[in-house]
Amino acid sequence: MTDKKIVLTTAGNKEEAQQIAWALVERKLAACVNIVSQVESIYRWKNEIESNPEYLLIIKTTSAAFERVRDAIKELSSYEQPECIQLAIDGGSEAYLKWIESSVE
């Protein structure tokens, strides 16, 4: 087990996804953010089932930075309740994990 984390969030359009990704990397909250284009999300919101195209952000960060990442997503997202899910990275390339550590403050 490492202290490195993957955080998932979504954005409603490409520009917002890019804005969130750039801000997280510029603020040294993430080493890298992948943007996956045009995923379809089907979800229940306010007792209605909805379907919308979204952009999935895969954020590489550390456990220590998670709360600041969560706060930044809430600040930058246009969603009333933005997704923010943290997943543990159990292992990986030692060099890559060190790179994440050195890139995140």
PDB file of N, CA and C in Angstrom:
ATOM      1  N   MET A   1       0.852  -1.184   0.000  1.00  0.00           N
ATOM      2  CA  MET A   1       0.000   0.000   0.000  1.00  0.00           C
ATOM      3  C   MET A   1       0.891   1.238   0.000  1.00  0.00           C
ATOM      4  N   THR A   2       0.487   2.227  -0.762  1.00  0.00           N
ATOM      5  CA  THR A   2       1.217   3.493  -0.813  1.00  0.00           C
ATOM      6  C   THR A   2       0.301   4.604  -0.302  1.00  0.00           C
ATOM      7  N   ASP A   3       0.858   5.796  -0.187  1.00  0.00           N
ATOM      8  CA  ASP A   3       0.034   6.953   0.171  1.00  0.00           C
ATOM      9  C   ASP A   3      -0.430   7.699  -1.078  1.00  0.00           C
ATOM     10  N   LYS A   4      -0.209   7.121  -2.257  1.00  0.00           N
ATOM     11  CA  LYS A   4      -0.625   7.738  -3.510  1.00  0.00           C
ATOM     12  C   LYS A   4      -2.080   7.382  -3.772  1.00  0.00           C
ATOM     13  N   LYS A   5      -2.794   8.304  -4.405  1.00  0.00           N
ATOM     14  CA  LYS A   5      -4.232   8.143  -4.619  1.00  0.00           C
ATOM     15  C   LYS A   5      -4.618   8.514  -6.045  1.00  0.00           C
ATOM     16  N   ILE A   6      -5.708   7.914  -6.487  1.00  0.00           N
ATOM     17  CA  ILE A   6      -6.399   8.321  -7.707  1.00  0.00           C
ATOM     18  C   ILE A   6      -7.700   8.973  -7.240  1.00  0.00           C
ATOM     19  N   VAL A   7      -7.989  10.137  -7.769  1.00  0.00           N
ATOM     20  CA  VAL A   7      -9.250  10.812  -7.467  1.00  0.00           C
ATOM     21  C   VAL A   7     -10.009  10.928  -8.782  1.00  0.00           C
ATOM     22  N   LEU A   8     -11.284  10.583  -8.750  1.00  0.00           N
ATOM     23  CA  LEU A   8     -12.142  10.681  -9.923  1.00  0.00           C
ATOM     24  C   LEU A   8     -13.130  11.826  -9.748  1.00  0.00           C
ATOM     25  N   THR A   9     -13.308  12.570 -10.836  1.00  0.00           N
ATOM     26  CA  THR A   9     -14.353  13.578 -10.879  1.00  0.00           C
ATOM     27  C   THR A   9     -14.813  13.695 -12.322  1.00  0.00           C
ATOM     28  N   THR A  10     -15.895  14.399 -12.547  1.00  0.00           N
ATOM     29  CA  THR A  10     -16.410  14.598 -13.900  1.00  0.00           C
ATOM     30  C   THR A  10     -16.697  16.079 -14.122  1.00  0.00           C
ATOM     31  N   ALA A  11     -16.735  16.432 -15.408  1.00  0.00           N
ATOM     32  CA  ALA A  11     -17.095  17.794 -15.810  1.00  0.00           C
ATOM     33  C   ALA A  11     -18.073  17.697 -16.966  1.00  0.00           C
ATOM     34  N   GLY A  12     -18.895  18.694 -17.108  1.00  0.00           N
ATOM     35  CA  GLY A  12     -19.929  18.683 -18.129  1.00  0.00           C
ATOM     36  C   GLY A  12     -19.457  19.042 -19.522  1.00  0.00           C
ATOM     37  N   ASN A  13     -18.272  19.652 -19.620  1.00  0.00           N
ATOM     38  CA  ASN A  13     -17.748  19.997 -20.943  1.00  0.00           C
ATOM     39  C   ASN A  13     -16.219  19.994 -20.911  1.00  0.00           C
ATOM     40  N   LYS A  14     -15.621  19.998 -22.091  1.00  0.00           N
ATOM     41  CA  LYS A  14     -14.169  19.883 -22.220  1.00  0.00           C
ATOM     42  C   LYS A  14     -13.444  21.058 -21.578  1.00  0.00           C
ATOM     43  N   GLU A  15     -13.963  22.249 -21.768  1.00  0.00           N
ATOM     44  CA  GLU A  15     -13.304  23.443 -21.231  1.00  0.00           C
ATOM     45  C   GLU A  15     -13.233  23.395 -19.702  1.00  0.00           C
ATOM     46  N   GLU A  16     -14.326  22.993 -19.071  1.00  0.00           N
ATOM     47  CA  GLU A  16     -14.324  22.901 -17.611  1.00  0.00           C
ATOM     48  C   GLU A  16     -13.370  21.799 -17.140  1.00  0.00           C
ATOM     49  N   ALA A  17     -13.356  20.675 -17.842  1.00  0.00           N
ATOM     50  CA  ALA A  17     -12.432  19.588 -17.496  1.00  0.00           C
ATOM     51  C   ALA A  17     -10.992  20.072 -17.580  1.00  0.00           C
ATOM     52  N   GLN A  18     -10.662  20.790 -18.640  1.00  0.00           N
ATOM     53  CA  GLN A  18      -9.308  21.319 -18.794  1.00  0.00           C
ATOM     54  C   GLN A  18      -8.981  22.349 -17.715  1.00  0.00           C
ATOM     55  N   GLN A  19      -9.942  23.192 -17.381  1.00  0.00           N
ATOM     56  CA  GLN A  19      -9.721  24.205 -16.346  1.00  0.00           C
ATOM     57  C   GLN A  19      -9.410  23.541 -15.011  1.00  0.00           C
ATOM     58  N   ILE A  20     -10.175  22.524 -14.648  1.00  0.00           N
ATOM     59  CA  ILE A  20      -9.943  21.818 -13.386  1.00  0.00           C
ATOM     60  C   ILE A  20      -8.588  21.130 -13.415  1.00  0.00           C
ATOM     61  N   ALA A  21      -8.274  20.438 -14.513  1.00  0.00           N
ATOM     62  CA  ALA A  21      -7.001  19.719 -14.626  1.00  0.00           C
ATOM     63  C   ALA A  21      -5.814  20.670 -14.509  1.00  0.00           C
ATOM     64  N   TRP A  22      -5.835  21.747 -15.268  1.00  0.00           N
ATOM     65  CA  TRP A  22      -4.735  22.710 -15.225  1.00  0.00           C
ATOM     66  C   TRP A  22      -4.577  23.299 -13.823  1.00  0.00           C
ATOM     67  N   ALA A  23      -5.684  23.665 -13.193  1.00  0.00           N
ATOM     68  CA  ALA A  23      -5.612  24.270 -11.858  1.00  0.00           C
ATOM     69  C   ALA A  23      -5.011  23.298 -10.850  1.00  0.00           C
ATOM     70  N   LEU A  24      -5.398  22.030 -10.904  1.00  0.00           N
ATOM     71  CA  LEU A  24      -4.865  21.051  -9.952  1.00  0.00           C
ATOM     72  C   LEU A  24      -3.365  20.857 -10.132  1.00  0.00           C
ATOM     73  N   VAL A  25      -2.912  20.808 -11.376  1.00  0.00           N
ATOM     74  CA  VAL A  25      -1.478  20.633 -11.630  1.00  0.00           C
ATOM     75  C   VAL A  25      -0.715  21.918 -11.293  1.00  0.00           C
ATOM     76  N   GLU A  26      -1.237  23.065 -11.681  1.00  0.00           N
ATOM     77  CA  GLU A  26      -0.574  24.338 -11.368  1.00  0.00           C
ATOM     78  C   GLU A  26      -0.451  24.564  -9.864  1.00  0.00           C
ATOM     79  N   ARG A  27      -1.464  24.179  -9.113  1.00  0.00           N
ATOM     80  CA  ARG A  27      -1.444  24.354  -7.654  1.00  0.00           C
ATOM     81  C   ARG A  27      -0.645  23.253  -6.944  1.00  0.00           C
ATOM     82  N   LYS A  28      -0.062  22.355  -7.709  1.00  0.00           N
ATOM     83  CA  LYS A  28       0.712  21.219  -7.187  1.00  0.00           C
ATOM     84  C   LYS A  28      -0.120  20.322  -6.279  1.00  0.00           C
ATOM     85  N   LEU A  29      -1.394  20.195  -6.643  1.00  0.00           N
ATOM     86  CA  LEU A  29      -2.289  19.278  -5.940  1.00  0.00           C
ATOM     87  C   LEU A  29      -2.339  17.927  -6.635  1.00  0.00           C
ATOM     88  N   ALA A  30      -1.905  17.891  -7.888  1.00  0.00           N
ATOM     89  CA  ALA A  30      -1.887  16.659  -8.675  1.00  0.00           C
ATOM     90  C   ALA A  30      -0.627  16.631  -9.520  1.00  0.00           C
ATOM     91  N   ALA A  31      -0.089  15.424  -9.680  1.00  0.00           N
ATOM     92  CA  ALA A  31       1.058  15.250 -10.567  1.00  0.00           C
ATOM     93  C   ALA A  31       0.599  15.211 -12.019  1.00  0.00           C
ATOM     94  N   CYS A  32      -0.576  14.640 -12.238  1.00  0.00           N
ATOM     95  CA  CYS A  32      -1.095  14.427 -13.589  1.00  0.00           C
ATOM     96  C   CYS A  32      -2.606  14.288 -13.500  1.00  0.00           C
ATOM     97  N   VAL A  33      -3.278  14.786 -14.530  1.00  0.00           N
ATOM     98  CA  VAL A  33      -4.721  14.578 -14.650  1.00  0.00           C
ATOM     99  C   VAL A  33      -4.997  14.111 -16.074  1.00  0.00           C
ATOM    100  N   ASN A  34      -5.583  12.939 -16.202  1.00  0.00           N
ATOM    101  CA  ASN A  34      -6.026  12.450 -17.510  1.00  0.00           C
ATOM    102  C   ASN A  34      -7.476  12.873 -17.698  1.00  0.00           C
ATOM    103  N   ILE A  35      -7.795  13.319 -18.902  1.00  0.00           N
ATOM    104  CA  ILE A  35      -9.172  13.668 -19.242  1.00  0.00           C
ATOM    105  C   ILE A  35      -9.663  12.653 -20.260  1.00  0.00           C
ATOM    106  N   VAL A  36     -10.687  11.921 -19.886  1.00  0.00           N
ATOM    107  CA  VAL A  36     -11.289  10.928 -20.767  1.00  0.00           C
ATOM    108  C   VAL A  36     -12.520  11.577 -21.400  1.00  0.00           C
ATOM    109  N   SER A  37     -12.507  11.681 -22.715  1.00  0.00           N
ATOM    110  CA  SER A  37     -13.565  12.392 -23.436  1.00  0.00           C
ATOM    111  C   SER A  37     -14.848  11.603 -23.538  1.00  0.00           C
ATOM    112  N   GLN A  38     -15.934  12.327 -23.409  1.00  0.00           N
ATOM    113  CA  GLN A  38     -17.266  11.860 -23.743  1.00  0.00           C
ATOM    114  C   GLN A  38     -17.653  10.500 -23.160  1.00  0.00           C
ATOM    115  N   VAL A  39     -17.657  10.421 -21.853  1.00  0.00           N
ATOM    116  CA  VAL A  39     -18.270   9.269 -21.211  1.00  0.00           C
ATOM    117  C   VAL A  39     -19.743   9.606 -21.028  1.00  0.00           C
ATOM    118  N   GLU A  40     -20.581   8.595 -21.006  1.00  0.00           N
ATOM    119  CA  GLU A  40     -21.995   8.841 -20.751  1.00  0.00           C
ATOM    120  C   GLU A  40     -22.296   8.452 -19.313  1.00  0.00           C
ATOM    121  N   SER A  41     -22.882   9.367 -18.568  1.00  0.00           N
ATOM    122  CA  SER A  41     -23.252   9.100 -17.181  1.00  0.00           C
ATOM    123  C   SER A  41     -24.764   8.994 -17.071  1.00  0.00           C
ATOM    124  N   ILE A  42     -25.198   7.924 -16.452  1.00  0.00           N
ATOM    125  CA  ILE A  42     -26.616   7.718 -16.162  1.00  0.00           C
ATOM    126  C   ILE A  42     -26.730   7.685 -14.652  1.00  0.00           C
ATOM    127  N   TYR A  43     -27.548   8.549 -14.094  1.00  0.00           N
ATOM    128  CA  TYR A  43     -27.567   8.726 -12.646  1.00  0.00           C
ATOM    129  C   TYR A  43     -28.931   9.228 -12.183  1.00  0.00           C
ATOM    130  N   ARG A  44     -29.149   9.099 -10.887  1.00  0.00           N
ATOM    131  CA  ARG A  44     -30.361   9.630 -10.270  1.00  0.00           C
ATOM    132  C   ARG A  44     -29.989  10.961  -9.609  1.00  0.00           C
ATOM    133  N   TRP A  45     -30.748  11.998  -9.920  1.00  0.00           N
ATOM    134  CA  TRP A  45     -30.527  13.305  -9.322  1.00  0.00           C
ATOM    135  C   TRP A  45     -31.873  13.940  -9.061  1.00  0.00           C
ATOM    136  N   LYS A  46     -32.101  14.303  -7.806  1.00  0.00           N
ATOM    137  CA  LYS A  46     -33.353  14.922  -7.387  1.00  0.00           C
ATOM    138  C   LYS A  46     -34.555  14.077  -7.825  1.00  0.00           C
ATOM    139  N   ASN A  47     -34.407  12.775  -7.576  1.00  0.00           N
ATOM    140  CA  ASN A  47     -35.455  11.772  -7.806  1.00  0.00           C
ATOM    141  C   ASN A  47     -35.810  11.561  -9.270  1.00  0.00           C
ATOM    142  N   GLU A  48     -34.942  11.974 -10.176  1.00  0.00           N
ATOM    143  CA  GLU A  48     -35.130  11.747 -11.610  1.00  0.00           C
ATOM    144  C   GLU A  48     -33.904  11.020 -12.150  1.00  0.00           C
ATOM    145  N   ILE A  49     -34.112  10.118 -13.109  1.00  0.00           N
ATOM    146  CA  ILE A  49     -32.989   9.468 -13.773  1.00  0.00           C
ATOM    147  C   ILE A  49     -32.607  10.313 -14.975  1.00  0.00           C
ATOM    148  N   GLU A  50     -31.315  10.624 -15.063  1.00  0.00           N
ATOM    149  CA  GLU A  50     -30.810  11.476 -16.127  1.00  0.00           C
ATOM    150  C   GLU A  50     -29.671  10.781 -16.853  1.00  0.00           C
ATOM    151  N   SER A  51     -29.396  11.238 -18.047  1.00  0.00           N
ATOM    152  CA  SER A  51     -28.282  10.741 -18.844  1.00  0.00           C
ATOM    153  C   SER A  51     -27.620  11.942 -19.509  1.00  0.00           C
ATOM    154  N   ASN A  52     -26.310  12.072 -19.317  1.00  0.00           N
ATOM    155  CA  ASN A  52     -25.592  13.206 -19.882  1.00  0.00           C
ATOM    156  C   ASN A  52     -24.183  12.807 -20.292  1.00  0.00           C
ATOM    157  N   PRO A  53     -23.663  13.425 -21.359  1.00  0.00           N
ATOM    158  CA  PRO A  53     -22.260  13.227 -21.694  1.00  0.00           C
ATOM    159  C   PRO A  53     -21.403  14.021 -20.700  1.00  0.00           C
ATOM    160  N   GLU A  54     -20.300  13.432 -20.290  1.00  0.00           N
ATOM    161  CA  GLU A  54     -19.395  14.104 -19.362  1.00  0.00           C
ATOM    162  C   GLU A  54     -17.957  13.793 -19.739  1.00  0.00           C
ATOM    163  N   TYR A  55     -17.044  14.482 -19.111  1.00  0.00           N
ATOM    164  CA  TYR A  55     -15.610  14.231 -19.230  1.00  0.00           C
ATOM    165  C   TYR A  55     -15.132  13.730 -17.881  1.00  0.00           C
ATOM    166  N   LEU A  56     -14.470  12.579 -17.885  1.00  0.00           N
ATOM    167  CA  LEU A  56     -13.961  11.963 -16.669  1.00  0.00           C
ATOM    168  C   LEU A  56     -12.527  12.422 -16.434  1.00  0.00           C
ATOM    169  N   LEU A  57     -12.248  12.902 -15.231  1.00  0.00           N
ATOM    170  CA  LEU A  57     -10.895  13.295 -14.854  1.00  0.00           C
ATOM    171  C   LEU A  57     -10.325  12.248 -13.909  1.00  0.00           C
ATOM    172  N   ILE A  58      -9.136  11.752 -14.251  1.00  0.00           N
ATOM    173  CA  ILE A  58      -8.413  10.776 -13.437  1.00  0.00           C
ATOM    174  C   ILE A  58      -7.204  11.517 -12.873  1.00  0.00           C
ATOM    175  N   ILE A  59      -7.235  11.777 -11.586  1.00  0.00           N
ATOM    176  CA  ILE A  59      -6.275  12.658 -10.924  1.00  0.00           C
ATOM    177  C   ILE A  59      -5.304  11.826 -10.097  1.00  0.00           C
ATOM    178  N   LYS A  60      -3.996  12.009 -10.332  1.00  0.00           N
ATOM    179  CA  LYS A  60      -2.979  11.310  -9.543  1.00  0.00           C
ATOM    180  C   LYS A  60      -2.446  12.266  -8.490  1.00  0.00           C
ATOM    181  N   THR A  61      -2.569  11.880  -7.224  1.00  0.00           N
ATOM    182  CA  THR A  61      -2.195  12.751  -6.124  1.00  0.00           C
ATOM    183  C   THR A  61      -1.730  11.924  -4.925  1.00  0.00           C
ATOM    184  N   THR A  62      -1.629  12.576  -3.786  1.00  0.00           N
ATOM    185  CA  THR A  62      -1.229  11.896  -2.552  1.00  0.00           C
ATOM    186  C   THR A  62      -2.357  11.979  -1.527  1.00  0.00           C
ATOM    187  N   SER A  63      -2.259  11.118  -0.560  1.00  0.00           N
ATOM    188  CA  SER A  63      -3.241  11.105   0.529  1.00  0.00           C
ATOM    189  C   SER A  63      -3.276  12.458   1.240  1.00  0.00           C
ATOM    190  N   ALA A  64      -2.101  13.028   1.463  1.00  0.00           N
ATOM    191  CA  ALA A  64      -2.009  14.304   2.184  1.00  0.00           C
ATOM    192  C   ALA A  64      -2.677  15.456   1.438  1.00  0.00           C
ATOM    193  N   ALA A  65      -2.733  15.374   0.111  1.00  0.00           N
ATOM    194  CA  ALA A  65      -3.300  16.464  -0.691  1.00  0.00           C
ATOM    195  C   ALA A  65      -4.791  16.282  -0.966  1.00  0.00           C
ATOM    196  N   PHE A  66      -5.365  15.146  -0.578  1.00  0.00           N
ATOM    197  CA  PHE A  66      -6.742  14.847  -0.975  1.00  0.00           C
ATOM    198  C   PHE A  66      -7.746  15.928  -0.581  1.00  0.00           C
ATOM    199  N   GLU A  67      -7.722  16.395   0.649  1.00  0.00           N
ATOM    200  CA  GLU A  67      -8.720  17.390   1.077  1.00  0.00           C
ATOM    201  C   GLU A  67      -8.618  18.663   0.257  1.00  0.00           C
ATOM    202  N   ARG A  68      -7.394  19.073  -0.096  1.00  0.00           N
ATOM    203  CA  ARG A  68      -7.210  20.269  -0.920  1.00  0.00           C
ATOM    204  C   ARG A  68      -7.680  20.028  -2.349  1.00  0.00           C
ATOM    205  N   VAL A  69      -7.482  18.804  -2.852  1.00  0.00           N
ATOM    206  CA  VAL A  69      -8.005  18.445  -4.170  1.00  0.00           C
ATOM    207  C   VAL A  69      -9.531  18.508  -4.144  1.00  0.00           C
ATOM    208  N   ARG A  70     -10.129  17.922  -3.123  1.00  0.00           N
ATOM    209  CA  ARG A  70     -11.590  17.934  -2.985  1.00  0.00           C
ATOM    210  C   ARG A  70     -12.125  19.366  -2.942  1.00  0.00           C
ATOM    211  N   ASP A  71     -11.458  20.222  -2.166  1.00  0.00           N
ATOM    212  CA  ASP A  71     -11.896  21.620  -2.054  1.00  0.00           C
ATOM    213  C   ASP A  71     -11.752  22.353  -3.384  1.00  0.00           C
ATOM    214  N   ALA A  72     -10.677  22.078  -4.120  1.00  0.00           N
ATOM    215  CA  ALA A  72     -10.469  22.722  -5.420  1.00  0.00           C
ATOM    216  C   ALA A  72     -11.523  22.263  -6.425  1.00  0.00           C
ATOM    217  N   ILE A  73     -11.847  20.980  -6.418  1.00  0.00           N
ATOM    218  CA  ILE A  73     -12.890  20.483  -7.318  1.00  0.00           C
ATOM    219  C   ILE A  73     -14.211  21.179  -7.012  1.00  0.00           C
ATOM    220  N   LYS A  74     -14.540  21.290  -5.739  1.00  0.00           N
ATOM    221  CA  LYS A  74     -15.790  21.965  -5.355  1.00  0.00           C
ATOM    222  C   LYS A  74     -15.772  23.427  -5.810  1.00  0.00           C
ATOM    223  N   GLU A  75     -14.641  24.083  -5.674  1.00  0.00           N
ATOM    224  CA  GLU A  75     -14.495  25.484  -6.089  1.00  0.00           C
ATOM    225  C   GLU A  75     -14.628  25.648  -7.604  1.00  0.00           C
ATOM    226  N   LEU A  76     -14.025  24.761  -8.377  1.00  0.00           N
ATOM    227  CA  LEU A  76     -13.904  24.931  -9.824  1.00  0.00           C
ATOM    228  C   LEU A  76     -15.043  24.299 -10.631  1.00  0.00           C
ATOM    229  N   SER A  77     -15.752  23.357 -10.048  1.00  0.00           N
ATOM    230  CA  SER A  77     -16.801  22.651 -10.773  1.00  0.00           C
ATOM    231  C   SER A  77     -18.079  23.472 -10.838  1.00  0.00           C
ATOM    232  N   SER A  78     -18.770  23.345 -11.950  1.00  0.00           N
ATOM    233  CA  SER A  78     -20.073  24.017 -12.075  1.00  0.00           C
ATOM    234  C   SER A  78     -21.198  23.161 -11.492  1.00  0.00           C
ATOM    235  N   TYR A  79     -20.882  21.932 -11.121  1.00  0.00           N
ATOM    236  CA  TYR A  79     -21.900  21.036 -10.573  1.00  0.00           C
ATOM    237  C   TYR A  79     -22.259  21.405  -9.138  1.00  0.00           C
ATOM    238  N   GLU A  80     -23.531  21.262  -8.834  1.00  0.00           N
ATOM    239  CA  GLU A  80     -24.012  21.493  -7.471  1.00  0.00           C
ATOM    240  C   GLU A  80     -23.373  20.509  -6.492  1.00  0.00           C
ATOM    241  N   GLN A  81     -23.228  19.259  -6.915  1.00  0.00           N
ATOM    242  CA  GLN A  81     -22.618  18.207  -6.094  1.00  0.00           C
ATOM    243  C   GLN A  81     -21.594  17.460  -6.958  1.00  0.00           C
ATOM    244  N   PRO A  82     -20.381  18.021  -7.086  1.00  0.00           N
ATOM    245  CA  PRO A  82     -19.401  17.363  -7.956  1.00  0.00           C
ATOM    246  C   PRO A  82     -18.912  16.032  -7.384  1.00  0.00           C
ATOM    247  N   GLU A  83     -18.680  15.104  -8.301  1.00  0.00           N
ATOM    248  CA  GLU A  83     -18.108  13.815  -7.915  1.00  0.00           C
ATOM    249  C   GLU A  83     -16.689  14.034  -7.397  1.00  0.00           C
ATOM    250  N   CYS A  84     -16.355  13.350  -6.327  1.00  0.00           N
ATOM    251  CA  CYS A  84     -14.987  13.360  -5.809  1.00  0.00           C
ATOM    252  C   CYS A  84     -14.799  12.056  -5.043  1.00  0.00           C
ATOM    253  N   ILE A  85     -14.197  11.085  -5.730  1.00  0.00           N
ATOM    254  CA  ILE A  85     -13.996   9.757  -5.168  1.00  0.00           C
ATOM    255  C   ILE A  85     -12.509   9.478  -5.119  1.00  0.00           C
ATOM    256  N   GLN A  86     -12.035   9.052  -3.967  1.00  0.00           N
ATOM    257  CA  GLN A  86     -10.619   8.733  -3.785  1.00  0.00           C
ATOM    258  C   GLN A  86     -10.427   7.214  -3.810  1.00  0.00           C
ATOM    259  N   LEU A  87      -9.472   6.757  -4.605  1.00  0.00           N
ATOM    260  CA  LEU A  87      -9.133   5.342  -4.690  1.00  0.00           C
ATOM    261  C   LEU A  87      -7.663   5.172  -4.319  1.00  0.00           C
ATOM    262  N   ALA A  88      -7.361   4.104  -3.601  1.00  0.00           N
ATOM    263  CA  ALA A  88      -5.981   3.834  -3.193  1.00  0.00           C
ATOM    264  C   ALA A  88      -5.190   3.245  -4.353  1.00  0.00           C
ATOM    265  N   ILE A  89      -3.936   3.623  -4.442  1.00  0.00           N
ATOM    266  CA  ILE A  89      -2.992   2.978  -5.355  1.00  0.00           C
ATOM    267  C   ILE A  89      -2.200   2.004  -4.502  1.00  0.00           C
ATOM    268  N   ASP A  90      -2.434   0.732  -4.692  1.00  0.00           N
ATOM    269  CA  ASP A  90      -1.787  -0.292  -3.865  1.00  0.00           C
ATOM    270  C   ASP A  90      -0.340  -0.533  -4.242  1.00  0.00           C
ATOM    271  N   GLY A  91       0.034  -0.229  -5.445  1.00  0.00           N
ATOM    272  CA  GLY A  91       1.406  -0.445  -5.893  1.00  0.00           C
ATOM    273  C   GLY A  91       1.586   0.190  -7.250  1.00  0.00           C
ATOM    274  N   GLY A  92       2.786   0.076  -7.765  1.00  0.00           N
ATOM    275  CA  GLY A  92       3.077   0.649  -9.077  1.00  0.00           C
ATOM    276  C   GLY A  92       4.564   0.784  -9.268  1.00  0.00           C
ATOM    277  N   SER A  93       4.924   1.342 -10.390  1.00  0.00           N
ATOM    278  CA  SER A  93       6.326   1.594 -10.679  1.00  0.00           C
ATOM    279  C   SER A  93       6.898   2.517  -9.604  1.00  0.00           C
ATOM    280  N   GLU A  94       7.983   2.093  -8.994  1.00  0.00           N
ATOM    281  CA  GLU A  94       8.585   2.897  -7.929  1.00  0.00           C
ATOM    282  C   GLU A  94       8.954   4.293  -8.427  1.00  0.00           C
ATOM    283  N   ALA A  95       9.485   4.363  -9.643  1.00  0.00           N
ATOM    284  CA  ALA A  95       9.873   5.664 -10.207  1.00  0.00           C
ATOM    285  C   ALA A  95       8.646   6.556 -10.419  1.00  0.00           C
ATOM    286  N   TYR A  96       7.542   5.972 -10.898  1.00  0.00           N
ATOM    287  CA  TYR A  96       6.323   6.752 -11.129  1.00  0.00           C
ATOM    288  C   TYR A  96       5.742   7.247  -9.813  1.00  0.00           C
ATOM    289  N   LEU A  97       5.712   6.387  -8.816  1.00  0.00           N
ATOM    290  CA  LEU A  97       5.188   6.783  -7.510  1.00  0.00           C
ATOM    291  C   LEU A  97       6.037   7.885  -6.888  1.00  0.00           C
ATOM    292  N   LYS A  98       7.353   7.816  -7.064  1.00  0.00           N
ATOM    293  CA  LYS A  98       8.239   8.888  -6.579  1.00  0.00           C
ATOM    294  C   LYS A  98       7.970  10.185  -7.317  1.00  0.00           C
ATOM    295  N   TRP A  99       7.688  10.078  -8.622  1.00  0.00           N
ATOM    296  CA  TRP A  99       7.382  11.264  -9.410  1.00  0.00           C
ATOM    297  C   TRP A  99       6.110  11.942  -8.897  1.00  0.00           C
ATOM    298  N   ILE A 100       5.082  11.146  -8.580  1.00  0.00           N
ATOM    299  CA  ILE A 100       3.862  11.728  -8.012  1.00  0.00           C
ATOM    300  C   ILE A 100       4.222  12.470  -6.728  1.00  0.00           C
ATOM    301  N   GLU A 101       4.983  11.816  -5.858  1.00  0.00           N
ATOM    302  CA  GLU A 101       5.378  12.426  -4.578  1.00  0.00           C
ATOM    303  C   GLU A 101       6.110  13.748  -4.787  1.00  0.00           C
ATOM    304  N   SER A 102       7.034  13.780  -5.745  1.00  0.00           N
ATOM    305  CA  SER A 102       7.818  15.001  -5.964  1.00  0.00           C
ATOM    306  C   SER A 102       7.025  16.104  -6.655  1.00  0.00           C
ATOM    307  N   SER A 103       5.913  15.751  -7.290  1.00  0.00           N
ATOM    308  CA  SER A 103       5.115  16.734  -8.031  1.00  0.00           C
ATOM    309  C   SER A 103       3.989  17.360  -7.217  1.00  0.00           C
ATOM    310  N   VAL A 104       3.658  16.747  -6.082  1.00  0.00           N
ATOM    311  CA  VAL A 104       2.536  17.197  -5.268  1.00  0.00           C
ATOM    312  C   VAL A 104       3.058  17.763  -3.961  1.00  0.00           C
ATOM    313  N   GLU A 105       2.540  18.921  -3.574  1.00  0.00           N
ATOM    314  CA  GLU A 105       2.946  19.527  -2.295  1.00  0.00           C
ATOM    315  C   GLU A 105       1.861  19.338  -1.262  1.00  0.00           C
TER     316      GLU A 105
END
